[in-house]
Amino acid sequence: MEYGGWDAKTEGRLRGLLNDLSELHQRIRPARNRLLGHNDLSTILADVPIGKFEAGLDDRYFDALQSFASLVRETGGGVPFRLDALARTDVAVLLKALVDAAAAEA
């Protein structure tokens, strides 16, 4: 933000997106911290929710992040930034493999 040399319109849009990201992060953070604080085998195997936030809040966060990154990239003459929709599938597959491996070891 500080060294982009943005025009006033772009800087205003970026600051708005940054404010949105900060606000959304504050709402997601407690659930994320609980999850990270209980990253142990018994908790994983119990498959019990240990933190939550409003449905869709994470999607709104990543949409705002993509918009912010795209605006920065396009302003610099690049192409829009797109978060790969397949990344969610990759994460789900990885997490399932880890849980299955942990269960097999137990």
N, C-alpha and C. Protein backbone atom coordinates (compact mmCIF):
# COMPACT_ATOMS: atom_id res chain seq x y z
N MET A 1 0.81 -1.19 0.00
CA MET A 1 0.00 0.00 0.00
C MET A 1 0.86 1.26 0.00
N GLU A 2 1.91 1.23 0.77
CA GLU A 2 2.67 2.46 0.97
C GLU A 2 3.59 2.82 -0.19
N TYR A 3 4.01 1.84 -0.99
CA TYR A 3 5.01 2.12 -2.01
C TYR A 3 4.52 1.86 -3.43
N GLY A 4 3.21 1.77 -3.61
CA GLY A 4 2.67 1.46 -4.93
C GLY A 4 2.56 2.65 -5.86
N GLY A 5 2.60 3.83 -5.32
CA GLY A 5 2.44 5.01 -6.15
C GLY A 5 1.07 5.04 -6.82
N TRP A 6 0.04 4.66 -6.07
CA TRP A 6 -1.31 4.53 -6.63
C TRP A 6 -1.92 5.89 -6.92
N ASP A 7 -2.75 5.94 -7.95
CA ASP A 7 -3.56 7.14 -8.15
C ASP A 7 -4.64 7.13 -7.07
N ALA A 8 -5.29 8.26 -6.88
CA ALA A 8 -6.24 8.41 -5.77
C ALA A 8 -7.38 7.39 -5.85
N LYS A 9 -7.91 7.14 -7.04
CA LYS A 9 -9.02 6.20 -7.19
C LYS A 9 -8.59 4.79 -6.82
N THR A 10 -7.44 4.36 -7.32
CA THR A 10 -6.94 3.01 -7.02
C THR A 10 -6.62 2.87 -5.55
N GLU A 11 -5.98 3.89 -4.97
CA GLU A 11 -5.65 3.82 -3.55
C GLU A 11 -6.91 3.71 -2.70
N GLY A 12 -7.95 4.46 -3.07
CA GLY A 12 -9.20 4.38 -2.34
C GLY A 12 -9.82 2.99 -2.41
N ARG A 13 -9.80 2.40 -3.59
CA ARG A 13 -10.34 1.04 -3.75
C ARG A 13 -9.51 0.03 -2.96
N LEU A 14 -8.18 0.17 -3.02
CA LEU A 14 -7.31 -0.75 -2.28
C LEU A 14 -7.51 -0.62 -0.78
N ARG A 15 -7.61 0.60 -0.29
CA ARG A 15 -7.82 0.81 1.15
C ARG A 15 -9.17 0.24 1.59
N GLY A 16 -10.18 0.39 0.76
CA GLY A 16 -11.49 -0.19 1.06
C GLY A 16 -11.41 -1.71 1.15
N LEU A 17 -10.73 -2.32 0.18
CA LEU A 17 -10.56 -3.78 0.20
C LEU A 17 -9.73 -4.22 1.40
N LEU A 18 -8.69 -3.46 1.71
CA LEU A 18 -7.86 -3.79 2.86
C LEU A 18 -8.66 -3.70 4.16
N ASN A 19 -9.52 -2.71 4.27
CA ASN A 19 -10.40 -2.61 5.45
C ASN A 19 -11.34 -3.80 5.53
N ASP A 20 -11.91 -4.19 4.38
CA ASP A 20 -12.79 -5.37 4.35
C ASP A 20 -12.02 -6.61 4.79
N LEU A 21 -10.81 -6.78 4.26
CA LEU A 21 -10.00 -7.95 4.63
C LEU A 21 -9.70 -7.96 6.12
N SER A 22 -9.36 -6.82 6.67
CA SER A 22 -9.06 -6.75 8.10
C SER A 22 -10.27 -7.10 8.94
N GLU A 23 -11.43 -6.57 8.56
CA GLU A 23 -12.66 -6.84 9.31
C GLU A 23 -13.03 -8.32 9.22
N LEU A 24 -12.96 -8.89 8.02
CA LEU A 24 -13.28 -10.31 7.86
C LEU A 24 -12.29 -11.19 8.61
N HIS A 25 -11.01 -10.83 8.57
CA HIS A 25 -9.99 -11.60 9.28
C HIS A 25 -10.27 -11.62 10.77
N GLN A 26 -10.66 -10.50 11.33
CA GLN A 26 -10.96 -10.45 12.77
C GLN A 26 -12.13 -11.36 13.13
N ARG A 27 -13.06 -11.54 12.22
CA ARG A 27 -14.21 -12.41 12.49
C ARG A 27 -13.88 -13.88 12.31
N ILE A 28 -12.92 -14.19 11.45
CA ILE A 28 -12.52 -15.58 11.19
C ILE A 28 -11.45 -16.04 12.18
N ARG A 29 -10.65 -15.13 12.65
CA ARG A 29 -9.47 -15.44 13.46
C ARG A 29 -9.73 -16.32 14.69
N PRO A 30 -10.76 -16.06 15.48
CA PRO A 30 -10.95 -16.91 16.67
C PRO A 30 -11.13 -18.40 16.32
N ALA A 31 -11.89 -18.69 15.27
CA ALA A 31 -12.07 -20.09 14.88
C ALA A 31 -10.76 -20.68 14.38
N ARG A 32 -10.03 -19.91 13.60
CA ARG A 32 -8.73 -20.38 13.10
C ARG A 32 -7.78 -20.66 14.26
N ASN A 33 -7.75 -19.78 15.24
CA ASN A 33 -6.86 -19.97 16.38
C ASN A 33 -7.23 -21.21 17.18
N ARG A 34 -8.53 -21.47 17.35
CA ARG A 34 -8.96 -22.67 18.07
C ARG A 34 -8.52 -23.91 17.31
N LEU A 35 -8.69 -23.89 16.00
CA LEU A 35 -8.31 -25.04 15.18
C LEU A 35 -6.80 -25.29 15.30
N LEU A 36 -6.01 -24.24 15.17
CA LEU A 36 -4.56 -24.40 15.27
C LEU A 36 -4.13 -24.82 16.66
N GLY A 37 -4.85 -24.34 17.68
CA GLY A 37 -4.51 -24.68 19.06
C GLY A 37 -4.88 -26.10 19.44
N HIS A 38 -5.72 -26.75 18.64
CA HIS A 38 -6.15 -28.11 18.94
C HIS A 38 -5.82 -29.05 17.78
N ASN A 39 -4.67 -28.84 17.21
CA ASN A 39 -4.24 -29.65 16.07
C ASN A 39 -3.55 -30.91 16.58
N ASP A 40 -4.33 -31.76 17.24
CA ASP A 40 -3.79 -33.01 17.78
C ASP A 40 -4.61 -34.17 17.26
N LEU A 41 -4.06 -35.36 17.33
CA LEU A 41 -4.68 -36.54 16.75
C LEU A 41 -6.07 -36.81 17.31
N SER A 42 -6.25 -36.74 18.61
CA SER A 42 -7.57 -37.06 19.18
C SER A 42 -8.63 -36.08 18.71
N THR A 43 -8.28 -34.82 18.59
CA THR A 43 -9.24 -33.82 18.11
C THR A 43 -9.58 -34.06 16.65
N ILE A 44 -8.57 -34.37 15.83
CA ILE A 44 -8.81 -34.64 14.42
C ILE A 44 -9.70 -35.86 14.25
N LEU A 45 -9.40 -36.92 14.97
CA LEU A 45 -10.18 -38.16 14.84
C LEU A 45 -11.60 -38.00 15.36
N ALA A 46 -11.80 -37.13 16.34
CA ALA A 46 -13.14 -36.92 16.89
C ALA A 46 -14.04 -36.20 15.89
N ASP A 47 -13.44 -35.48 14.94
CA ASP A 47 -14.18 -34.78 13.90
C ASP A 47 -15.31 -33.92 14.48
N VAL A 48 -14.97 -33.22 15.57
CA VAL A 48 -15.92 -32.35 16.25
C VAL A 48 -15.53 -30.90 15.96
N PRO A 49 -16.49 -30.08 15.54
CA PRO A 49 -16.15 -28.67 15.31
C PRO A 49 -15.64 -28.01 16.58
N ILE A 50 -14.55 -27.29 16.49
CA ILE A 50 -13.99 -26.62 17.67
C ILE A 50 -14.00 -25.11 17.52
N GLY A 51 -14.46 -24.65 16.40
CA GLY A 51 -14.57 -23.22 16.16
C GLY A 51 -15.45 -23.01 14.96
N LYS A 52 -16.12 -21.87 14.92
CA LYS A 52 -16.97 -21.63 13.77
C LYS A 52 -17.10 -20.14 13.52
N PHE A 53 -17.55 -19.82 12.31
CA PHE A 53 -17.87 -18.46 11.94
C PHE A 53 -19.02 -18.53 10.96
N GLU A 54 -19.61 -17.40 10.73
CA GLU A 54 -20.76 -17.29 9.84
C GLU A 54 -20.48 -17.95 8.48
N ALA A 55 -21.43 -18.75 8.02
CA ALA A 55 -21.27 -19.44 6.74
C ALA A 55 -20.98 -18.43 5.63
N GLY A 56 -20.00 -18.75 4.81
CA GLY A 56 -19.65 -17.91 3.68
C GLY A 56 -18.65 -16.82 3.98
N LEU A 57 -18.32 -16.64 5.25
CA LEU A 57 -17.38 -15.58 5.63
C LEU A 57 -16.01 -15.81 5.02
N ASP A 58 -15.58 -17.07 4.99
CA ASP A 58 -14.29 -17.38 4.39
C ASP A 58 -14.31 -17.10 2.89
N ASP A 59 -15.43 -17.39 2.23
CA ASP A 59 -15.54 -17.10 0.81
C ASP A 59 -15.45 -15.59 0.55
N ARG A 60 -16.12 -14.82 1.40
CA ARG A 60 -16.04 -13.36 1.26
C ARG A 60 -14.62 -12.87 1.45
N TYR A 61 -13.90 -13.47 2.41
CA TYR A 61 -12.51 -13.08 2.65
C TYR A 61 -11.66 -13.34 1.40
N PHE A 62 -11.78 -14.54 0.85
CA PHE A 62 -10.95 -14.88 -0.31
C PHE A 62 -11.37 -14.12 -1.56
N ASP A 63 -12.64 -13.77 -1.68
CA ASP A 63 -13.07 -12.92 -2.79
C ASP A 63 -12.43 -11.53 -2.69
N ALA A 64 -12.42 -10.98 -1.47
CA ALA A 64 -11.80 -9.66 -1.26
C ALA A 64 -10.29 -9.74 -1.50
N LEU A 65 -9.67 -10.83 -1.06
CA LEU A 65 -8.23 -11.00 -1.28
C LEU A 65 -7.92 -11.07 -2.78
N GLN A 66 -8.73 -11.81 -3.51
CA GLN A 66 -8.53 -11.91 -4.96
C GLN A 66 -8.73 -10.54 -5.63
N SER A 67 -9.73 -9.79 -5.20
CA SER A 67 -9.97 -8.46 -5.76
C SER A 67 -8.79 -7.54 -5.48
N PHE A 68 -8.27 -7.59 -4.26
CA PHE A 68 -7.12 -6.75 -3.89
C PHE A 68 -5.91 -7.10 -4.76
N ALA A 69 -5.59 -8.39 -4.83
CA ALA A 69 -4.42 -8.82 -5.60
C ALA A 69 -4.60 -8.51 -7.09
N SER A 70 -5.81 -8.67 -7.61
CA SER A 70 -6.07 -8.37 -9.01
C SER A 70 -5.88 -6.89 -9.31
N LEU A 71 -6.40 -6.05 -8.42
CA LEU A 71 -6.27 -4.61 -8.64
C LEU A 71 -4.81 -4.19 -8.63
N VAL A 72 -4.04 -4.72 -7.71
CA VAL A 72 -2.61 -4.40 -7.66
C VAL A 72 -1.93 -4.88 -8.95
N ARG A 73 -2.22 -6.08 -9.33
CA ARG A 73 -1.59 -6.66 -10.52
C ARG A 73 -1.98 -5.92 -11.80
N GLU A 74 -3.27 -5.63 -11.96
CA GLU A 74 -3.74 -4.96 -13.16
C GLU A 74 -3.23 -3.52 -13.23
N THR A 75 -3.13 -2.85 -12.09
CA THR A 75 -2.63 -1.48 -12.06
C THR A 75 -1.18 -1.45 -12.52
N GLY A 76 -0.45 -2.51 -12.23
CA GLY A 76 0.95 -2.60 -12.66
C GLY A 76 1.11 -3.12 -14.08
N GLY A 77 -0.01 -3.27 -14.78
CA GLY A 77 0.07 -3.71 -16.17
C GLY A 77 -0.04 -5.20 -16.38
N GLY A 78 -0.36 -5.94 -15.33
CA GLY A 78 -0.46 -7.39 -15.44
C GLY A 78 -1.89 -7.85 -15.67
N VAL A 79 -2.04 -9.12 -15.67
CA VAL A 79 -3.37 -9.73 -15.84
C VAL A 79 -4.02 -9.93 -14.47
N PRO A 80 -5.35 -10.06 -14.43
CA PRO A 80 -6.02 -10.26 -13.14
C PRO A 80 -5.49 -11.50 -12.42
N PHE A 81 -5.48 -11.41 -11.11
CA PHE A 81 -5.06 -12.52 -10.26
C PHE A 81 -6.28 -13.37 -9.95
N ARG A 82 -6.16 -14.66 -10.13
CA ARG A 82 -7.27 -15.56 -9.83
C ARG A 82 -6.81 -16.64 -8.86
N LEU A 83 -7.52 -16.75 -7.76
CA LEU A 83 -7.28 -17.87 -6.86
C LEU A 83 -7.83 -19.10 -7.54
N ASP A 84 -7.06 -20.14 -7.58
CA ASP A 84 -7.48 -21.34 -8.27
C ASP A 84 -8.59 -22.04 -7.50
N ALA A 85 -9.74 -22.17 -8.15
CA ALA A 85 -10.87 -22.84 -7.50
C ALA A 85 -10.54 -24.28 -7.15
N LEU A 86 -9.62 -24.88 -7.88
CA LEU A 86 -9.24 -26.26 -7.59
C LEU A 86 -8.41 -26.38 -6.32
N ALA A 87 -7.88 -25.27 -5.84
CA ALA A 87 -7.07 -25.31 -4.62
C ALA A 87 -7.90 -25.82 -3.45
N ARG A 88 -9.19 -25.50 -3.41
CA ARG A 88 -10.05 -25.98 -2.32
C ARG A 88 -10.14 -27.49 -2.36
N THR A 89 -10.25 -28.05 -3.55
CA THR A 89 -10.30 -29.50 -3.69
C THR A 89 -8.97 -30.10 -3.25
N ASP A 90 -7.87 -29.48 -3.66
CA ASP A 90 -6.55 -29.97 -3.26
C ASP A 90 -6.41 -30.00 -1.75
N VAL A 91 -6.86 -28.95 -1.09
CA VAL A 91 -6.78 -28.88 0.37
C VAL A 91 -7.63 -29.98 1.00
N ALA A 92 -8.85 -30.16 0.50
CA ALA A 92 -9.74 -31.19 1.04
C ALA A 92 -9.13 -32.58 0.88
N VAL A 93 -8.54 -32.85 -0.28
CA VAL A 93 -7.91 -34.15 -0.52
C VAL A 93 -6.73 -34.35 0.43
N LEU A 94 -5.91 -33.33 0.59
CA LEU A 94 -4.76 -33.42 1.49
C LEU A 94 -5.21 -33.66 2.92
N LEU A 95 -6.18 -32.91 3.39
CA LEU A 95 -6.65 -33.09 4.77
C LEU A 95 -7.23 -34.48 5.00
N LYS A 96 -7.99 -34.98 4.04
CA LYS A 96 -8.54 -36.33 4.17
C LYS A 96 -7.42 -37.36 4.23
N ALA A 97 -6.40 -37.21 3.40
CA ALA A 97 -5.27 -38.14 3.41
C ALA A 97 -4.56 -38.11 4.76
N LEU A 98 -4.39 -36.92 5.33
CA LEU A 98 -3.74 -36.80 6.63
C LEU A 98 -4.57 -37.46 7.73
N VAL A 99 -5.86 -37.22 7.72
CA VAL A 99 -6.75 -37.83 8.73
C VAL A 99 -6.75 -39.35 8.57
N ASP A 100 -6.84 -39.84 7.34
CA ASP A 100 -6.82 -41.28 7.10
C ASP A 100 -5.51 -41.89 7.58
N ALA A 101 -4.40 -41.21 7.30
CA ALA A 101 -3.10 -41.72 7.73
C ALA A 101 -2.99 -41.73 9.26
N ALA A 102 -3.49 -40.68 9.90
CA ALA A 102 -3.47 -40.62 11.37
C ALA A 102 -4.34 -41.73 11.96
N ALA A 103 -5.49 -41.97 11.36
CA ALA A 103 -6.39 -43.02 11.84
C ALA A 103 -5.76 -44.40 11.69
N ALA A 104 -5.03 -44.61 10.58
CA ALA A 104 -4.39 -45.88 10.34
C ALA A 104 -3.27 -46.14 11.36
N GLU A 105 -2.62 -45.08 11.80
CA GLU A 105 -1.53 -45.22 12.77
C GLU A 105 -2.04 -45.43 14.18
N ALA A 106 -3.27 -45.00 14.45
CA ALA A 106 -3.81 -45.04 15.82
C ALA A 106 -4.12 -46.46 16.27
